[in-house]
Amino acid sequence: MQIEFVKMQGIGNDFVVLDARPGGSAAGLDLTEDQARHIADRHFGIGCDQILIIAPSSVADITMHIMNSDGSMAAACGNGSRCVADLVMAETGTDTISMETKGGVINARRYGDLVSIDMGPAKCDWADIPLAHDMDTMNIDLGQADLPPAIGVNMGNPHAVHIVDDAEAIDLAAIGPVLEHAPIFPDRANIEFISLIAENHIRMRVWERGSGITIACGTGACAAAVAAARQGLTGRQVQVTLDGGTLEIDWQDNGHVIMTGPSEISFHGVISLDQDQA
């Protein structure tokens, strides 16, 4: 089974994009977890943080399905949304697009070389994140004596943001998987560590649920900006610098979070998928 793909990246957060619209080479494909893991494998497959599948929608211009590198499904992906929006807007010659995701319908707009995504409202209630029980989402105790309490934010997927003196000093590979699977998170969580590097400018490192350490995470940057503003560390318009680059985040007064940044096509290709993989 030969499937065409586009490899894309947004500040280093990289994706394999498949077209499952009518006429697309992935039309009718029901991608299995094993196939997704093969595609995402950086040694034996193509290699990516997430797989993005463009499909038809009855409520938006397109649907975007998101699979993590471990084969699990995700509800939101900020950098991936920007990449897919950029790709489809270039195809259609438009500067706006709406995309249906598991986390809801989101809207994108092109501004020159940059793409802005309205990621929808930040959700900060314990039940929306979700947490296992009612608690103050500004003070989520994850049982780590050497870490401050986490700040919970849902940006279509769950995030736990830790404000620390130096995000670079965190052993992310060791602590990330522990916190992702903390019992308080029934759906697991993305884990961010942030520190202030200038006025309204924060540094962020991230452990993504289902993907591990990535050099960028759009929804994580949105969650980090919201957490920083809630804590009074910054205002509502911030720069978030990740390992792969910097995003502009605007937590608007209506509660919606606007993320702006670049996207790029790395290459086009074809991959063979084993139909017996299950």
C-alpha atoms as a PDB file:
ATOM      1  CA  MET A   1       0.000   0.000   0.000  1.00  0.00           C
ATOM      2  CA  GLN A   2       1.695   3.183  -1.258  1.00  0.00           C
ATOM      3  CA  ILE A   3       0.741   6.385   0.584  1.00  0.00           C
ATOM      4  CA  GLU A   4       1.881   9.850  -0.443  1.00  0.00           C
ATOM      5  CA  PHE A   5       2.798  12.232   2.379  1.00  0.00           C
ATOM      6  CA  VAL A   6       4.068  15.736   3.064  1.00  0.00           C
ATOM      7  CA  LYS A   7       6.663  16.234   5.798  1.00  0.00           C
ATOM      8  CA  MET A   8       6.206  19.598   7.536  1.00  0.00           C
ATOM      9  CA  GLN A   9       7.575  21.397  10.555  1.00  0.00           C
ATOM     10  CA  GLY A  10       6.647  24.376  12.695  1.00  0.00           C
ATOM     11  CA  ILE A  11       9.640  25.654  14.717  1.00  0.00           C
ATOM     12  CA  GLY A  12      10.998  22.117  14.701  1.00  0.00           C
ATOM     13  CA  ASN A  13       7.802  20.358  15.800  1.00  0.00           C
ATOM     14  CA  ASP A  14       7.587  17.943  12.864  1.00  0.00           C
ATOM     15  CA  PHE A  15       4.666  16.187  11.227  1.00  0.00           C
ATOM     16  CA  VAL A  16       3.765  13.702   8.546  1.00  0.00           C
ATOM     17  CA  VAL A  17       0.642  14.964   6.760  1.00  0.00           C
ATOM     18  CA  LEU A  18      -1.626  12.490   4.945  1.00  0.00           C
ATOM     19  CA  ASP A  19      -4.509  13.419   2.626  1.00  0.00           C
ATOM     20  CA  ALA A  20      -7.635  11.327   3.269  1.00  0.00           C
ATOM     21  CA  ARG A  21      -9.967  13.593   1.315  1.00  0.00           C
ATOM     22  CA  PRO A  22     -11.660  12.151  -1.793  1.00  0.00           C
ATOM     23  CA  GLY A  23      -8.924  11.605  -4.355  1.00  0.00           C
ATOM     24  CA  GLY A  24      -6.173  11.744  -1.729  1.00  0.00           C
ATOM     25  CA  SER A  25      -3.796   8.796  -1.536  1.00  0.00           C
ATOM     26  CA  ALA A  26      -4.861   8.118   2.074  1.00  0.00           C
ATOM     27  CA  ALA A  27      -8.616   8.211   1.287  1.00  0.00           C
ATOM     28  CA  GLY A  28     -10.282   5.289   3.032  1.00  0.00           C
ATOM     29  CA  LEU A  29      -7.165   4.493   5.060  1.00  0.00           C
ATOM     30  CA  ASP A  30      -7.906   3.444   8.653  1.00  0.00           C
ATOM     31  CA  LEU A  31      -4.441   3.942  10.104  1.00  0.00           C
ATOM     32  CA  THR A  32      -3.619   1.439  12.842  1.00  0.00           C
ATOM     33  CA  GLU A  33      -1.489   2.210  15.898  1.00  0.00           C
ATOM     34  CA  ASP A  34       1.267  -0.041  14.542  1.00  0.00           C
ATOM     35  CA  GLN A  35       1.222   1.758  11.188  1.00  0.00           C
ATOM     36  CA  ALA A  36       1.335   5.127  12.954  1.00  0.00           C
ATOM     37  CA  ARG A  37       4.299   4.028  15.057  1.00  0.00           C
ATOM     38  CA  HIS A  38       6.064   2.820  11.901  1.00  0.00           C
ATOM     39  CA  ILE A  39       5.491   6.140  10.127  1.00  0.00           C
ATOM     40  CA  ALA A  40       6.719   8.100  13.168  1.00  0.00           C
ATOM     41  CA  ASP A  41       9.820   5.940  13.726  1.00  0.00           C
ATOM     42  CA  ARG A  42      12.894   8.045  12.936  1.00  0.00           C
ATOM     43  CA  HIS A  43      15.017   5.003  12.052  1.00  0.00           C
ATOM     44  CA  PHE A  44      12.681   2.678  10.135  1.00  0.00           C
ATOM     45  CA  GLY A  45       9.908   5.062   9.020  1.00  0.00           C
ATOM     46  CA  ILE A  46       9.721   8.737   8.113  1.00  0.00           C
ATOM     47  CA  GLY A  47      10.051  10.199  11.590  1.00  0.00           C
ATOM     48  CA  CYS A  48       7.773  12.766  13.225  1.00  0.00           C
ATOM     49  CA  ASP A  49       6.245  13.987  16.461  1.00  0.00           C
ATOM     50  CA  GLN A  50       2.678  13.566  15.175  1.00  0.00           C
ATOM     51  CA  ILE A  51       0.811  12.287  12.141  1.00  0.00           C
ATOM     52  CA  LEU A  52      -1.851  14.665  10.779  1.00  0.00           C
ATOM     53  CA  ILE A  53      -4.624  13.318   8.568  1.00  0.00           C
ATOM     54  CA  ILE A  54      -6.660  15.754   6.453  1.00  0.00           C
ATOM     55  CA  ALA A  55     -10.240  14.549   5.926  1.00  0.00           C
ATOM     56  CA  PRO A  56     -13.593  16.035   4.864  1.00  0.00           C
ATOM     57  CA  SER A  57     -15.781  17.889   7.365  1.00  0.00           C
ATOM     58  CA  SER A  58     -19.464  18.748   7.481  1.00  0.00           C
ATOM     59  CA  VAL A  59     -18.940  21.688   9.874  1.00  0.00           C
ATOM     60  CA  ALA A  60     -15.626  23.210   8.709  1.00  0.00           C
ATOM     61  CA  ASP A  61     -13.435  23.458   5.616  1.00  0.00           C
ATOM     62  CA  ILE A  62     -11.552  20.302   6.598  1.00  0.00           C
ATOM     63  CA  THR A  63     -11.141  17.822   9.437  1.00  0.00           C
ATOM     64  CA  MET A  64      -7.709  17.244  10.963  1.00  0.00           C
ATOM     65  CA  HIS A  65      -7.124  13.960  12.807  1.00  0.00           C
ATOM     66  CA  ILE A  66      -4.044  13.839  15.044  1.00  0.00           C
ATOM     67  CA  MET A  67      -2.075  10.732  15.996  1.00  0.00           C
ATOM     68  CA  ASN A  68       0.871  10.818  18.387  1.00  0.00           C
ATOM     69  CA  SER A  69       4.090   8.972  17.636  1.00  0.00           C
ATOM     70  CA  ASP A  70       3.004   6.132  19.960  1.00  0.00           C
ATOM     71  CA  GLY A  71      -0.186   5.612  17.914  1.00  0.00           C
ATOM     72  CA  SER A  72      -2.547   7.251  20.394  1.00  0.00           C
ATOM     73  CA  MET A  73      -5.027   9.911  19.299  1.00  0.00           C
ATOM     74  CA  ALA A  74      -4.776  13.572  20.291  1.00  0.00           C
ATOM     75  CA  ALA A  75      -7.466  16.242  20.380  1.00  0.00           C
ATOM     76  CA  ALA A  76      -5.331  19.272  19.552  1.00  0.00           C
ATOM     77  CA  CYS A  77      -1.975  20.213  18.075  1.00  0.00           C
ATOM     78  CA  GLY A  78      -1.129  23.882  17.701  1.00  0.00           C
ATOM     79  CA  ASN A  79       1.966  23.722  15.490  1.00  0.00           C
ATOM     80  CA  GLY A  80       0.375  20.939  13.444  1.00  0.00           C
ATOM     81  CA  SER A  81      -2.759  23.006  12.953  1.00  0.00           C
ATOM     82  CA  ARG A  82      -0.654  25.864  11.654  1.00  0.00           C
ATOM     83  CA  CYS A  83       1.161  23.557   9.223  1.00  0.00           C
ATOM     84  CA  VAL A  84      -2.013  21.967   7.856  1.00  0.00           C
ATOM     85  CA  ALA A  85      -3.712  25.350   7.594  1.00  0.00           C
ATOM     86  CA  ASP A  86      -0.737  26.728   5.664  1.00  0.00           C
ATOM     87  CA  LEU A  87      -0.752  23.728   3.318  1.00  0.00           C
ATOM     88  CA  VAL A  88      -4.484  23.843   2.542  1.00  0.00           C
ATOM     89  CA  MET A  89      -4.604  27.641   2.232  1.00  0.00           C
ATOM     90  CA  ALA A  90      -1.807  27.435  -0.335  1.00  0.00           C
ATOM     91  CA  GLU A  91      -3.793  24.790  -2.246  1.00  0.00           C
ATOM     92  CA  THR A  92      -6.990  26.846  -2.264  1.00  0.00           C
ATOM     93  CA  GLY A  93      -5.457  30.309  -2.633  1.00  0.00           C
ATOM     94  CA  THR A  94      -7.207  31.623   0.486  1.00  0.00           C
ATOM     95  CA  ASP A  95      -5.946  33.391   3.606  1.00  0.00           C
ATOM     96  CA  THR A  96      -8.430  31.841   6.041  1.00  0.00           C
ATOM     97  CA  ILE A  97      -9.528  28.305   6.884  1.00  0.00           C
ATOM     98  CA  SER A  98     -11.572  26.482   9.509  1.00  0.00           C
ATOM     99  CA  MET A  99     -10.544  23.065  10.768  1.00  0.00           C
ATOM    100  CA  GLU A 100     -12.554  20.504  12.700  1.00  0.00           C
ATOM    101  CA  THR A 101     -10.534  18.657  15.355  1.00  0.00           C
ATOM    102  CA  LYS A 102     -11.413  16.325  18.182  1.00  0.00           C
ATOM    103  CA  GLY A 103     -11.003  19.358  20.456  1.00  0.00           C
ATOM    104  CA  GLY A 104     -13.434  21.503  18.428  1.00  0.00           C
ATOM    105  CA  VAL A 105     -13.408  23.762  15.357  1.00  0.00           C
ATOM    106  CA  ILE A 106     -10.450  26.130  15.118  1.00  0.00           C
ATOM    107  CA  ASN A 107      -9.799  28.965  12.673  1.00  0.00           C
ATOM    108  CA  ALA A 108      -6.574  30.030  10.979  1.00  0.00           C
ATOM    109  CA  ARG A 109      -5.472  33.137   9.081  1.00  0.00           C
ATOM    110  CA  ARG A 110      -2.344  33.887   7.071  1.00  0.00           C
ATOM    111  CA  TYR A 111      -0.306  37.051   7.745  1.00  0.00           C
ATOM    112  CA  GLY A 112       2.511  37.145   5.202  1.00  0.00           C
ATOM    113  CA  ASP A 113       4.888  34.314   6.042  1.00  0.00           C
ATOM    114  CA  LEU A 114       3.184  33.599   9.373  1.00  0.00           C
ATOM    115  CA  VAL A 115      -0.007  31.767  10.262  1.00  0.00           C
ATOM    116  CA  SER A 116      -2.208  32.596  13.251  1.00  0.00           C
ATOM    117  CA  ILE A 117      -4.462  30.001  14.844  1.00  0.00           C
ATOM    118  CA  ASP A 118      -7.358  30.786  17.150  1.00  0.00           C
ATOM    119  CA  MET A 119      -6.951  27.859  19.507  1.00  0.00           C
ATOM    120  CA  GLY A 120     -10.243  28.638  21.242  1.00  0.00           C
ATOM    121  CA  PRO A 121     -10.748  29.439  24.914  1.00  0.00           C
ATOM    122  CA  ALA A 122      -8.316  28.320  27.569  1.00  0.00           C
ATOM    123  CA  LYS A 123     -10.100  26.076  30.075  1.00  0.00           C
ATOM    124  CA  CYS A 124      -8.896  26.230  33.650  1.00  0.00           C
ATOM    125  CA  ASP A 125     -11.587  24.391  35.638  1.00  0.00           C
ATOM    126  CA  TRP A 126     -10.501  21.100  37.189  1.00  0.00           C
ATOM    127  CA  ALA A 127     -13.192  19.111  35.340  1.00  0.00           C
ATOM    128  CA  ASP A 128     -12.173  20.554  31.953  1.00  0.00           C
ATOM    129  CA  ILE A 129      -8.468  19.772  32.227  1.00  0.00           C
ATOM    130  CA  PRO A 130      -9.461  17.096  33.421  1.00  0.00           C
ATOM    131  CA  LEU A 131      -8.268  16.245  36.928  1.00  0.00           C
ATOM    132  CA  ALA A 132      -9.335  13.183  38.864  1.00  0.00           C
ATOM    133  CA  HIS A 133     -11.099  15.297  41.506  1.00  0.00           C
ATOM    134  CA  ASP A 134     -11.899  18.895  42.436  1.00  0.00           C
ATOM    135  CA  MET A 135      -8.884  20.990  43.373  1.00  0.00           C
ATOM    136  CA  ASP A 136      -7.314  24.411  42.842  1.00  0.00           C
ATOM    137  CA  THR A 137      -5.862  24.271  39.320  1.00  0.00           C
ATOM    138  CA  MET A 138      -3.267  26.883  40.268  1.00  0.00           C
ATOM    139  CA  ASN A 139      -1.799  24.505  42.847  1.00  0.00           C
ATOM    140  CA  ILE A 140      -1.765  20.933  41.553  1.00  0.00           C
ATOM    141  CA  ASP A 141       0.432  18.877  43.872  1.00  0.00           C
ATOM    142  CA  LEU A 142       2.103  16.130  41.844  1.00  0.00           C
ATOM    143  CA  GLY A 143       4.006  14.729  44.813  1.00  0.00           C
ATOM    144  CA  GLN A 144       7.415  16.037  43.763  1.00  0.00           C
ATOM    145  CA  ALA A 145       8.993  17.801  46.733  1.00  0.00           C
ATOM    146  CA  ASP A 146      11.635  19.526  44.589  1.00  0.00           C
ATOM    147  CA  LEU A 147       9.098  20.987  42.134  1.00  0.00           C
ATOM    148  CA  PRO A 148       6.542  23.781  42.564  1.00  0.00           C
ATOM    149  CA  PRO A 149       2.842  22.894  42.173  1.00  0.00           C
ATOM    150  CA  ALA A 150       1.647  22.701  38.583  1.00  0.00           C
ATOM    151  CA  ILE A 151      -0.863  25.052  36.951  1.00  0.00           C
ATOM    152  CA  GLY A 152      -3.510  23.205  34.959  1.00  0.00           C
ATOM    153  CA  VAL A 153      -4.755  24.435  31.583  1.00  0.00           C
ATOM    154  CA  ASN A 154      -6.703  22.674  28.840  1.00  0.00           C
ATOM    155  CA  MET A 155      -6.026  23.873  25.290  1.00  0.00           C
ATOM    156  CA  GLY A 156      -7.974  21.082  23.614  1.00  0.00           C
ATOM    157  CA  ASN A 157      -5.671  18.714  25.505  1.00  0.00           C
ATOM    158  CA  PRO A 158      -4.478  18.677  29.145  1.00  0.00           C
ATOM    159  CA  HIS A 159      -1.383  20.589  30.289  1.00  0.00           C
ATOM    160  CA  ALA A 160       0.440  20.902  33.596  1.00  0.00           C
ATOM    161  CA  VAL A 161       2.725  23.943  33.663  1.00  0.00           C
ATOM    162  CA  HIS A 162       5.494  24.372  36.237  1.00  0.00           C
ATOM    163  CA  ILE A 163       7.023  27.832  36.780  1.00  0.00           C
ATOM    164  CA  VAL A 164      10.662  27.363  37.784  1.00  0.00           C
ATOM    165  CA  ASP A 165      13.760  29.535  38.135  1.00  0.00           C
ATOM    166  CA  ASP A 166      15.518  27.869  35.203  1.00  0.00           C
ATOM    167  CA  ALA A 167      13.700  25.611  32.748  1.00  0.00           C
ATOM    168  CA  GLU A 168      17.071  24.502  31.351  1.00  0.00           C
ATOM    169  CA  ALA A 169      18.020  22.896  34.672  1.00  0.00           C
ATOM    170  CA  ILE A 170      15.133  20.411  34.665  1.00  0.00           C
ATOM    171  CA  ASP A 171      15.910  16.760  33.884  1.00  0.00           C
ATOM    172  CA  LEU A 172      12.965  16.534  31.516  1.00  0.00           C
ATOM    173  CA  ALA A 173      13.710  12.999  30.312  1.00  0.00           C
ATOM    174  CA  ALA A 174      13.530  11.695  33.880  1.00  0.00           C
ATOM    175  CA  ILE A 175      10.600  13.658  35.293  1.00  0.00           C
ATOM    176  CA  GLY A 176       8.434  14.011  32.164  1.00  0.00           C
ATOM    177  CA  PRO A 177       7.090  10.432  31.950  1.00  0.00           C
ATOM    178  CA  VAL A 178       6.472  10.336  35.705  1.00  0.00           C
ATOM    179  CA  LEU A 179       4.347  13.486  35.666  1.00  0.00           C
ATOM    180  CA  GLU A 180       2.555  12.570  32.415  1.00  0.00           C
ATOM    181  CA  HIS A 181       1.160   9.478  34.142  1.00  0.00           C
ATOM    182  CA  ALA A 182       0.432  11.072  37.537  1.00  0.00           C
ATOM    183  CA  PRO A 183      -2.822   9.647  38.998  1.00  0.00           C
ATOM    184  CA  ILE A 184      -4.397  13.111  39.134  1.00  0.00           C
ATOM    185  CA  PHE A 185      -4.527  13.125  35.296  1.00  0.00           C
ATOM    186  CA  PRO A 186      -7.083  10.526  34.136  1.00  0.00           C
ATOM    187  CA  ASP A 187      -6.221  11.271  30.476  1.00  0.00           C
ATOM    188  CA  ARG A 188      -2.503  11.797  31.175  1.00  0.00           C
ATOM    189  CA  ALA A 189      -1.072  15.286  30.585  1.00  0.00           C
ATOM    190  CA  ASN A 190       1.471  17.309  28.642  1.00  0.00           C
ATOM    191  CA  ILE A 191       4.155  18.612  30.991  1.00  0.00           C
ATOM    192  CA  GLU A 192       5.748  22.058  30.625  1.00  0.00           C
ATOM    193  CA  PHE A 193       8.491  23.852  32.540  1.00  0.00           C
ATOM    194  CA  ILE A 194       8.773  27.611  32.055  1.00  0.00           C
ATOM    195  CA  SER A 195      10.985  30.411  33.344  1.00  0.00           C
ATOM    196  CA  LEU A 196      10.994  34.167  32.722  1.00  0.00           C
ATOM    197  CA  ILE A 197      13.846  35.375  30.508  1.00  0.00           C
ATOM    198  CA  ALA A 198      12.645  38.955  29.840  1.00  0.00           C
ATOM    199  CA  GLU A 199       9.509  41.026  30.305  1.00  0.00           C
ATOM    200  CA  ASN A 200       6.624  39.093  28.692  1.00  0.00           C
ATOM    201  CA  HIS A 201       9.120  36.560  27.311  1.00  0.00           C
ATOM    202  CA  ILE A 202       9.307  33.046  28.706  1.00  0.00           C
ATOM    203  CA  ARG A 203      11.459  29.994  28.040  1.00  0.00           C
ATOM    204  CA  MET A 204       9.623  26.682  27.815  1.00  0.00           C
ATOM    205  CA  ARG A 205      10.610  23.026  27.619  1.00  0.00           C
ATOM    206  CA  VAL A 206       8.021  20.315  27.104  1.00  0.00           C
ATOM    207  CA  TRP A 207       7.319  16.633  27.551  1.00  0.00           C
ATOM    208  CA  GLU A 208       4.405  15.808  25.224  1.00  0.00           C
ATOM    209  CA  ARG A 209       1.850  13.205  26.145  1.00  0.00           C
ATOM    210  CA  GLY A 210       2.326  10.247  23.842  1.00  0.00           C
ATOM    211  CA  SER A 211       5.410  11.698  22.126  1.00  0.00           C
ATOM    212  CA  GLY A 212       8.016  12.446  24.807  1.00  0.00           C
ATOM    213  CA  ILE A 213      10.433  15.353  24.578  1.00  0.00           C
ATOM    214  CA  THR A 214       9.744  17.551  21.558  1.00  0.00           C
ATOM    215  CA  ILE A 215      11.512  20.748  20.568  1.00  0.00           C
ATOM    216  CA  ALA A 216       8.220  22.621  20.217  1.00  0.00           C
ATOM    217  CA  CYS A 217       4.561  22.291  21.216  1.00  0.00           C
ATOM    218  CA  GLY A 218       1.980  24.852  20.143  1.00  0.00           C
ATOM    219  CA  THR A 219      -0.775  23.970  22.604  1.00  0.00           C
ATOM    220  CA  GLY A 220       1.908  23.784  25.297  1.00  0.00           C
ATOM    221  CA  ALA A 221       3.072  27.299  24.453  1.00  0.00           C
ATOM    222  CA  CYS A 222      -0.540  28.500  24.698  1.00  0.00           C
ATOM    223  CA  ALA A 223      -0.985  26.764  28.058  1.00  0.00           C
ATOM    224  CA  ALA A 224       2.321  28.182  29.310  1.00  0.00           C
ATOM    225  CA  ALA A 225       1.309  31.716  28.361  1.00  0.00           C
ATOM    226  CA  VAL A 226      -2.037  31.346  30.121  1.00  0.00           C
ATOM    227  CA  ALA A 227      -0.381  29.883  33.228  1.00  0.00           C
ATOM    228  CA  ALA A 228       2.219  32.681  33.310  1.00  0.00           C
ATOM    229  CA  ALA A 229      -0.472  35.350  33.032  1.00  0.00           C
ATOM    230  CA  ARG A 230      -2.659  33.682  35.683  1.00  0.00           C
ATOM    231  CA  GLN A 231       0.322  33.627  38.043  1.00  0.00           C
ATOM    232  CA  GLY A 232       1.116  37.291  37.316  1.00  0.00           C
ATOM    233  CA  LEU A 233       4.502  36.409  35.842  1.00  0.00           C
ATOM    234  CA  THR A 234       3.630  38.096  32.525  1.00  0.00           C
ATOM    235  CA  GLY A 235       0.892  39.992  30.778  1.00  0.00           C
ATOM    236  CA  ARG A 236      -1.516  38.352  28.350  1.00  0.00           C
ATOM    237  CA  GLN A 237       0.646  38.885  25.249  1.00  0.00           C
ATOM    238  CA  VAL A 238       3.901  36.946  25.447  1.00  0.00           C
ATOM    239  CA  GLN A 239       6.715  35.425  23.461  1.00  0.00           C
ATOM    240  CA  VAL A 240       7.358  31.768  24.207  1.00  0.00           C
ATOM    241  CA  THR A 241      10.794  30.471  23.219  1.00  0.00           C
ATOM    242  CA  LEU A 242      11.069  26.717  22.783  1.00  0.00           C
ATOM    243  CA  ASP A 243      14.008  24.592  21.648  1.00  0.00           C
ATOM    244  CA  GLY A 244      12.919  25.002  18.006  1.00  0.00           C
ATOM    245  CA  GLY A 245      12.032  28.694  17.954  1.00  0.00           C
ATOM    246  CA  THR A 246       9.663  31.352  19.275  1.00  0.00           C
ATOM    247  CA  LEU A 247       5.882  31.696  19.106  1.00  0.00           C
ATOM    248  CA  GLU A 248       3.728  34.766  19.744  1.00  0.00           C
ATOM    249  CA  ILE A 249       0.831  34.029  22.091  1.00  0.00           C
ATOM    250  CA  ASP A 250      -2.085  36.389  22.801  1.00  0.00           C
ATOM    251  CA  TRP A 251      -4.551  35.367  25.528  1.00  0.00           C
ATOM    252  CA  GLN A 252      -7.376  37.669  24.543  1.00  0.00           C
ATOM    253  CA  ASP A 253      -9.928  39.223  26.864  1.00  0.00           C
ATOM    254  CA  ASN A 254     -12.647  36.926  25.469  1.00  0.00           C
ATOM    255  CA  GLY A 255     -10.658  33.935  26.720  1.00  0.00           C
ATOM    256  CA  HIS A 256      -9.468  32.762  23.293  1.00  0.00           C
ATOM    257  CA  VAL A 257      -5.770  32.092  22.752  1.00  0.00           C
ATOM    258  CA  ILE A 258      -4.189  33.190  19.451  1.00  0.00           C
ATOM    259  CA  MET A 259      -0.909  31.519  18.456  1.00  0.00           C
ATOM    260  CA  THR A 260       1.229  32.953  15.637  1.00  0.00           C
ATOM    261  CA  GLY A 261       4.312  31.424  14.047  1.00  0.00           C
ATOM    262  CA  PRO A 262       5.887  29.960  10.903  1.00  0.00           C
ATOM    263  CA  SER A 263       5.430  26.647   9.125  1.00  0.00           C
ATOM    264  CA  GLU A 264       7.453  24.960   6.411  1.00  0.00           C
ATOM    265  CA  ILE A 265       7.300  22.013   4.018  1.00  0.00           C
ATOM    266  CA  SER A 266      10.380  19.838   4.483  1.00  0.00           C
ATOM    267  CA  PHE A 267       9.772  17.372   1.646  1.00  0.00           C
ATOM    268  CA  HIS A 268       7.227  15.219  -0.189  1.00  0.00           C
ATOM    269  CA  GLY A 269       7.441  11.443  -0.403  1.00  0.00           C
ATOM    270  CA  VAL A 270       5.765   8.047  -0.594  1.00  0.00           C
ATOM    271  CA  ILE A 271       5.781   5.383   2.110  1.00  0.00           C
ATOM    272  CA  SER A 272       4.825   1.706   1.872  1.00  0.00           C
ATOM    273  CA  LEU A 273       2.497   0.516   4.650  1.00  0.00           C
ATOM    274  CA  ASP A 274       2.020  -3.137   5.539  1.00  0.00           C
ATOM    275  CA  GLN A 275      -1.717  -3.858   5.379  1.00  0.00           C
ATOM    276  CA  ASP A 276      -1.220  -6.717   7.855  1.00  0.00           C
ATOM    277  CA  GLN A 277      -0.039  -4.399  10.609  1.00  0.00           C
ATOM    278  CA  ALA A 278      -2.672  -4.237  13.361  1.00  0.00           C
END
